[in-house]
Amino acid sequence: MKTICPLIITVIFLFPGCVPKKSVADTKPVTLQSETGQPEMNYRDPATWLLGYFTREQLTRPPHNDWFQKGYDEYVFNTEAVNKLTDISKDDLTIKIIMGTWCPDSRREVPRFMKIIDIWKFPPEKITFIGVDDAKRSPVGEYENLDIQRVPTFIFYKNNVEAGRIIEVPLTSLEQDIVNILIKE
């Protein structure tokens, strides 16, 4: 009896580890029905998430292209603030965009941000996109050092030193917050 109990306990602990788990890559995105009866993407489904480093181009392909293009096209920016950006040198600047494709705030703010970036003519190679899961984790080395609490987070670096952040929602507008970060008066 004494030798059977440890054996049973060992089998109990090993058994759950033998159950094959479905990987995120093996699942297909789940679509929901909208009020109009049209299929609607469920971005909370991990199969739709972009995790780790990714490119802007990935936002322009399904399943993300609809929300990205709509947000980009519909954003009306503050012309005065964007004009101030043109006076700022881009030579020593880089930007990290940390976002969750599952996050409504990210799906709202990132397309708007990219429209501002395009008008400003900021070099795309100086922008790093990092995707996180709904626990705000990412499989990127040194990610923990970024101290991400909310998404989206836009981090601006001057000469590789953090100059400031826009976290989740802008204080004034995206373009004015960028100006405020980069032109400390």
C-alpha atoms as a PDB file:
ATOM      1  CA  MET A   1       0.000   0.000   0.000  1.00  0.00           C
ATOM      2  CA  LYS A   2       2.865   2.360   0.853  1.00  0.00           C
ATOM      3  CA  THR A   3       4.423   1.893  -2.598  1.00  0.00           C
ATOM      4  CA  ILE A   4       1.103   2.166  -4.457  1.00  0.00           C
ATOM      5  CA  CYS A   5       0.215   5.648  -3.060  1.00  0.00           C
ATOM      6  CA  PRO A   6       3.336   7.393  -4.414  1.00  0.00           C
ATOM      7  CA  LEU A   7       2.787   5.617  -7.729  1.00  0.00           C
ATOM      8  CA  ILE A   8      -0.830   6.833  -7.955  1.00  0.00           C
ATOM      9  CA  ILE A   9       0.195  10.379  -7.035  1.00  0.00           C
ATOM     10  CA  THR A  10       2.919  10.323  -9.696  1.00  0.00           C
ATOM     11  CA  VAL A  11       0.458   9.110 -12.359  1.00  0.00           C
ATOM     12  CA  ILE A  12      -2.069  11.814 -11.394  1.00  0.00           C
ATOM     13  CA  PHE A  13       0.549  14.561 -11.794  1.00  0.00           C
ATOM     14  CA  LEU A  14       1.851  13.194 -15.097  1.00  0.00           C
ATOM     15  CA  PHE A  15      -1.523  12.539 -16.725  1.00  0.00           C
ATOM     16  CA  PRO A  16      -2.569  16.184 -17.286  1.00  0.00           C
ATOM     17  CA  GLY A  17       0.825  16.841 -18.899  1.00  0.00           C
ATOM     18  CA  CYS A  18       0.107  14.257 -21.583  1.00  0.00           C
ATOM     19  CA  VAL A  19      -2.988  15.982 -22.919  1.00  0.00           C
ATOM     20  CA  PRO A  20      -2.052  17.659 -26.194  1.00  0.00           C
ATOM     21  CA  LYS A  21      -2.665  21.388 -26.138  1.00  0.00           C
ATOM     22  CA  LYS A  22      -3.830  23.315 -29.147  1.00  0.00           C
ATOM     23  CA  SER A  23      -1.346  25.966 -30.175  1.00  0.00           C
ATOM     24  CA  VAL A  24      -2.509  29.443 -31.140  1.00  0.00           C
ATOM     25  CA  ALA A  25      -1.098  28.842 -34.623  1.00  0.00           C
ATOM     26  CA  ASP A  26      -3.363  25.805 -35.072  1.00  0.00           C
ATOM     27  CA  THR A  27      -6.582  27.676 -34.350  1.00  0.00           C
ATOM     28  CA  LYS A  28      -8.651  29.673 -36.787  1.00  0.00           C
ATOM     29  CA  PRO A  29      -9.991  33.091 -35.805  1.00  0.00           C
ATOM     30  CA  VAL A  30     -13.528  33.065 -34.469  1.00  0.00           C
ATOM     31  CA  THR A  31     -16.045  35.366 -36.105  1.00  0.00           C
ATOM     32  CA  LEU A  32     -19.092  36.716 -34.335  1.00  0.00           C
ATOM     33  CA  GLN A  33     -22.419  37.892 -35.727  1.00  0.00           C
ATOM     34  CA  SER A  34     -22.906  41.663 -35.608  1.00  0.00           C
ATOM     35  CA  GLU A  35     -26.276  43.300 -35.039  1.00  0.00           C
ATOM     36  CA  THR A  36     -26.637  43.652 -38.810  1.00  0.00           C
ATOM     37  CA  GLY A  37     -26.125  39.915 -39.254  1.00  0.00           C
ATOM     38  CA  GLN A  38     -22.725  40.442 -40.894  1.00  0.00           C
ATOM     39  CA  PRO A  39     -19.786  38.398 -39.630  1.00  0.00           C
ATOM     40  CA  GLU A  40     -17.608  40.348 -37.212  1.00  0.00           C
ATOM     41  CA  MET A  41     -14.078  39.381 -36.218  1.00  0.00           C
ATOM     42  CA  ASN A  42     -13.500  38.427 -32.592  1.00  0.00           C
ATOM     43  CA  TYR A  43     -10.174  40.131 -31.859  1.00  0.00           C
ATOM     44  CA  ARG A  44     -10.178  38.683 -28.332  1.00  0.00           C
ATOM     45  CA  ASP A  45      -9.464  35.335 -29.990  1.00  0.00           C
ATOM     46  CA  PRO A  46      -5.725  34.612 -29.573  1.00  0.00           C
ATOM     47  CA  ALA A  47      -5.587  33.282 -33.144  1.00  0.00           C
ATOM     48  CA  THR A  48      -5.871  36.908 -34.364  1.00  0.00           C
ATOM     49  CA  TRP A  49      -3.122  38.381 -32.166  1.00  0.00           C
ATOM     50  CA  LEU A  50       0.173  39.701 -33.463  1.00  0.00           C
ATOM     51  CA  LEU A  51       2.788  38.868 -30.829  1.00  0.00           C
ATOM     52  CA  GLY A  52       6.409  39.946 -30.587  1.00  0.00           C
ATOM     53  CA  TYR A  53       8.015  41.998 -33.304  1.00  0.00           C
ATOM     54  CA  PHE A  54       5.831  42.579 -36.330  1.00  0.00           C
ATOM     55  CA  THR A  55       5.617  44.993 -39.249  1.00  0.00           C
ATOM     56  CA  ARG A  56       3.170  47.666 -40.243  1.00  0.00           C
ATOM     57  CA  GLU A  57       2.368  45.626 -43.328  1.00  0.00           C
ATOM     58  CA  GLN A  58       0.860  42.935 -41.095  1.00  0.00           C
ATOM     59  CA  LEU A  59      -1.724  45.494 -39.972  1.00  0.00           C
ATOM     60  CA  THR A  60      -2.740  46.031 -43.585  1.00  0.00           C
ATOM     61  CA  ARG A  61      -3.606  42.362 -44.120  1.00  0.00           C
ATOM     62  CA  PRO A  62      -6.566  40.341 -42.807  1.00  0.00           C
ATOM     63  CA  PRO A  63      -7.832  40.167 -40.175  1.00  0.00           C
ATOM     64  CA  HIS A  64      -6.489  43.600 -39.190  1.00  0.00           C
ATOM     65  CA  ASN A  65      -6.770  45.549 -42.430  1.00  0.00           C
ATOM     66  CA  ASP A  66     -10.416  46.582 -41.894  1.00  0.00           C
ATOM     67  CA  TRP A  67      -9.976  48.346 -38.564  1.00  0.00           C
ATOM     68  CA  PHE A  68      -6.543  49.682 -39.502  1.00  0.00           C
ATOM     69  CA  GLN A  69      -7.618  51.260 -42.803  1.00  0.00           C
ATOM     70  CA  LYS A  70     -10.881  52.608 -41.379  1.00  0.00           C
ATOM     71  CA  GLY A  71      -9.120  54.264 -38.429  1.00  0.00           C
ATOM     72  CA  TYR A  72      -6.388  55.633 -40.690  1.00  0.00           C
ATOM     73  CA  ASP A  73      -8.795  57.077 -43.260  1.00  0.00           C
ATOM     74  CA  GLU A  74     -11.254  58.576 -40.767  1.00  0.00           C
ATOM     75  CA  TYR A  75      -8.769  60.349 -38.492  1.00  0.00           C
ATOM     76  CA  VAL A  76      -8.826  64.120 -38.781  1.00  0.00           C
ATOM     77  CA  PHE A  77      -5.623  65.450 -37.262  1.00  0.00           C
ATOM     78  CA  ASN A  78      -4.779  68.846 -35.801  1.00  0.00           C
ATOM     79  CA  THR A  79      -3.004  70.578 -38.683  1.00  0.00           C
ATOM     80  CA  GLU A  80      -1.285  73.131 -36.452  1.00  0.00           C
ATOM     81  CA  ALA A  81       0.292  70.430 -34.288  1.00  0.00           C
ATOM     82  CA  VAL A  82       1.325  68.326 -37.291  1.00  0.00           C
ATOM     83  CA  ASN A  83       2.920  71.402 -38.873  1.00  0.00           C
ATOM     84  CA  LYS A  84       5.022  71.827 -35.706  1.00  0.00           C
ATOM     85  CA  LEU A  85       6.276  68.273 -36.186  1.00  0.00           C
ATOM     86  CA  THR A  86       7.811  69.187 -39.526  1.00  0.00           C
ATOM     87  CA  ASP A  87      10.238  71.493 -37.683  1.00  0.00           C
ATOM     88  CA  ILE A  88      11.520  68.640 -35.517  1.00  0.00           C
ATOM     89  CA  SER A  89      14.598  66.793 -36.714  1.00  0.00           C
ATOM     90  CA  LYS A  90      14.018  63.062 -37.119  1.00  0.00           C
ATOM     91  CA  ASP A  91      17.718  62.180 -37.308  1.00  0.00           C
ATOM     92  CA  ASP A  92      18.164  61.145 -33.672  1.00  0.00           C
ATOM     93  CA  LEU A  93      14.629  59.826 -33.088  1.00  0.00           C
ATOM     94  CA  THR A  94      13.223  56.300 -32.907  1.00  0.00           C
ATOM     95  CA  ILE A  95       9.792  55.090 -31.825  1.00  0.00           C
ATOM     96  CA  LYS A  96       8.513  51.872 -30.261  1.00  0.00           C
ATOM     97  CA  ILE A  97       4.830  51.062 -30.555  1.00  0.00           C
ATOM     98  CA  ILE A  98       3.635  48.464 -28.080  1.00  0.00           C
ATOM     99  CA  MET A  99       0.101  47.331 -28.793  1.00  0.00           C
ATOM    100  CA  GLY A 100      -2.387  44.512 -28.560  1.00  0.00           C
ATOM    101  CA  THR A 101      -4.428  43.739 -31.647  1.00  0.00           C
ATOM    102  CA  TRP A 102      -7.075  42.449 -29.219  1.00  0.00           C
ATOM    103  CA  CYS A 103      -7.274  45.894 -27.560  1.00  0.00           C
ATOM    104  CA  PRO A 104      -9.896  48.427 -28.748  1.00  0.00           C
ATOM    105  CA  ASP A 105      -7.665  51.357 -27.657  1.00  0.00           C
ATOM    106  CA  SER A 106      -4.795  49.994 -29.765  1.00  0.00           C
ATOM    107  CA  ARG A 107      -7.096  49.437 -32.734  1.00  0.00           C
ATOM    108  CA  ARG A 108      -8.274  53.058 -32.398  1.00  0.00           C
ATOM    109  CA  GLU A 109      -4.989  54.885 -31.680  1.00  0.00           C
ATOM    110  CA  VAL A 110      -2.398  53.022 -33.780  1.00  0.00           C
ATOM    111  CA  PRO A 111      -3.996  53.787 -37.183  1.00  0.00           C
ATOM    112  CA  ARG A 112      -4.329  57.442 -36.150  1.00  0.00           C
ATOM    113  CA  PHE A 113      -0.717  57.504 -35.014  1.00  0.00           C
ATOM    114  CA  MET A 114       0.439  55.994 -38.298  1.00  0.00           C
ATOM    115  CA  LYS A 115      -1.444  58.647 -40.272  1.00  0.00           C
ATOM    116  CA  ILE A 116       0.407  61.348 -38.316  1.00  0.00           C
ATOM    117  CA  ILE A 117       3.705  59.510 -38.865  1.00  0.00           C
ATOM    118  CA  ASP A 118       3.042  59.339 -42.612  1.00  0.00           C
ATOM    119  CA  ILE A 119       2.209  63.030 -42.892  1.00  0.00           C
ATOM    120  CA  TRP A 120       5.291  63.861 -40.822  1.00  0.00           C
ATOM    121  CA  LYS A 121       7.290  61.587 -43.183  1.00  0.00           C
ATOM    122  CA  PHE A 122       8.914  59.798 -40.279  1.00  0.00           C
ATOM    123  CA  PRO A 123      11.196  57.013 -41.585  1.00  0.00           C
ATOM    124  CA  PRO A 124       9.386  53.661 -41.229  1.00  0.00           C
ATOM    125  CA  GLU A 125      12.650  51.837 -40.483  1.00  0.00           C
ATOM    126  CA  LYS A 126      12.944  53.868 -37.265  1.00  0.00           C
ATOM    127  CA  ILE A 127       9.677  52.454 -35.877  1.00  0.00           C
ATOM    128  CA  THR A 128       9.505  49.165 -33.975  1.00  0.00           C
ATOM    129  CA  PHE A 129       6.172  47.397 -33.487  1.00  0.00           C
ATOM    130  CA  ILE A 130       5.795  45.013 -30.554  1.00  0.00           C
ATOM    131  CA  GLY A 131       2.620  42.967 -30.098  1.00  0.00           C
ATOM    132  CA  VAL A 132       1.478  41.827 -26.657  1.00  0.00           C
ATOM    133  CA  ASP A 133      -1.078  39.356 -25.387  1.00  0.00           C
ATOM    134  CA  ASP A 134      -3.985  40.319 -23.144  1.00  0.00           C
ATOM    135  CA  ALA A 135      -1.735  40.019 -20.070  1.00  0.00           C
ATOM    136  CA  LYS A 136       0.591  42.549 -21.764  1.00  0.00           C
ATOM    137  CA  ARG A 137       3.391  40.022 -22.242  1.00  0.00           C
ATOM    138  CA  SER A 138       5.497  39.706 -25.348  1.00  0.00           C
ATOM    139  CA  PRO A 139       8.107  37.174 -26.479  1.00  0.00           C
ATOM    140  CA  VAL A 140      10.685  39.926 -27.029  1.00  0.00           C
ATOM    141  CA  GLY A 141      14.014  40.014 -25.237  1.00  0.00           C
ATOM    142  CA  GLU A 142      14.382  42.923 -22.808  1.00  0.00           C
ATOM    143  CA  TYR A 143      10.607  43.529 -23.050  1.00  0.00           C
ATOM    144  CA  GLU A 144      10.254  43.548 -19.246  1.00  0.00           C
ATOM    145  CA  ASN A 145      12.511  46.620 -19.122  1.00  0.00           C
ATOM    146  CA  LEU A 146       9.911  48.625 -21.075  1.00  0.00           C
ATOM    147  CA  ASP A 147       7.546  48.491 -18.068  1.00  0.00           C
ATOM    148  CA  ILE A 148       4.353  48.315 -20.125  1.00  0.00           C
ATOM    149  CA  GLN A 149       1.210  48.652 -18.027  1.00  0.00           C
ATOM    150  CA  ARG A 150      -1.313  49.712 -20.677  1.00  0.00           C
ATOM    151  CA  VAL A 151      -1.580  49.543 -24.438  1.00  0.00           C
ATOM    152  CA  PRO A 152      -1.067  51.104 -26.780  1.00  0.00           C
ATOM    153  CA  THR A 153       2.140  52.694 -25.534  1.00  0.00           C
ATOM    154  CA  PHE A 154       4.151  54.878 -27.896  1.00  0.00           C
ATOM    155  CA  ILE A 155       7.721  55.382 -26.661  1.00  0.00           C
ATOM    156  CA  PHE A 156       9.879  58.116 -28.172  1.00  0.00           C
ATOM    157  CA  TYR A 157      13.671  57.918 -28.010  1.00  0.00           C
ATOM    158  CA  LYS A 158      16.178  60.696 -28.685  1.00  0.00           C
ATOM    159  CA  ASN A 159      19.682  59.336 -29.177  1.00  0.00           C
ATOM    160  CA  ASN A 160      18.486  55.990 -27.739  1.00  0.00           C
ATOM    161  CA  VAL A 161      17.319  57.637 -24.492  1.00  0.00           C
ATOM    162  CA  GLU A 162      13.610  57.666 -23.708  1.00  0.00           C
ATOM    163  CA  ALA A 163      12.193  61.169 -24.240  1.00  0.00           C
ATOM    164  CA  GLY A 164       8.603  60.339 -23.301  1.00  0.00           C
ATOM    165  CA  ARG A 165       5.538  58.157 -23.801  1.00  0.00           C
ATOM    166  CA  ILE A 166       1.948  58.299 -24.817  1.00  0.00           C
ATOM    167  CA  ILE A 167       0.135  55.647 -22.802  1.00  0.00           C
ATOM    168  CA  GLU A 168      -3.233  54.246 -23.867  1.00  0.00           C
ATOM    169  CA  VAL A 169      -4.921  57.559 -24.754  1.00  0.00           C
ATOM    170  CA  PRO A 170      -3.363  60.942 -25.531  1.00  0.00           C
ATOM    171  CA  LEU A 171      -3.609  63.770 -23.012  1.00  0.00           C
ATOM    172  CA  THR A 172      -4.535  66.342 -25.673  1.00  0.00           C
ATOM    173  CA  SER A 173      -4.268  64.698 -29.103  1.00  0.00           C
ATOM    174  CA  LEU A 174      -1.730  62.262 -30.470  1.00  0.00           C
ATOM    175  CA  GLU A 175      -0.057  64.903 -32.596  1.00  0.00           C
ATOM    176  CA  GLN A 176       0.038  67.524 -29.824  1.00  0.00           C
ATOM    177  CA  ASP A 177       1.354  64.982 -27.307  1.00  0.00           C
ATOM    178  CA  ILE A 178       4.139  64.076 -29.765  1.00  0.00           C
ATOM    179  CA  VAL A 179       5.047  67.748 -30.089  1.00  0.00           C
ATOM    180  CA  ASN A 180       4.972  68.162 -26.296  1.00  0.00           C
ATOM    181  CA  ILE A 181       7.286  65.185 -25.805  1.00  0.00           C
ATOM    182  CA  LEU A 182       9.768  66.171 -28.481  1.00  0.00           C
ATOM    183  CA  ILE A 183       9.819  69.910 -27.827  1.00  0.00           C
ATOM    184  CA  LYS A 184      10.202  70.268 -24.079  1.00  0.00           C
ATOM    185  CA  GLU A 185       9.563  73.951 -23.422  1.00  0.00           C
END
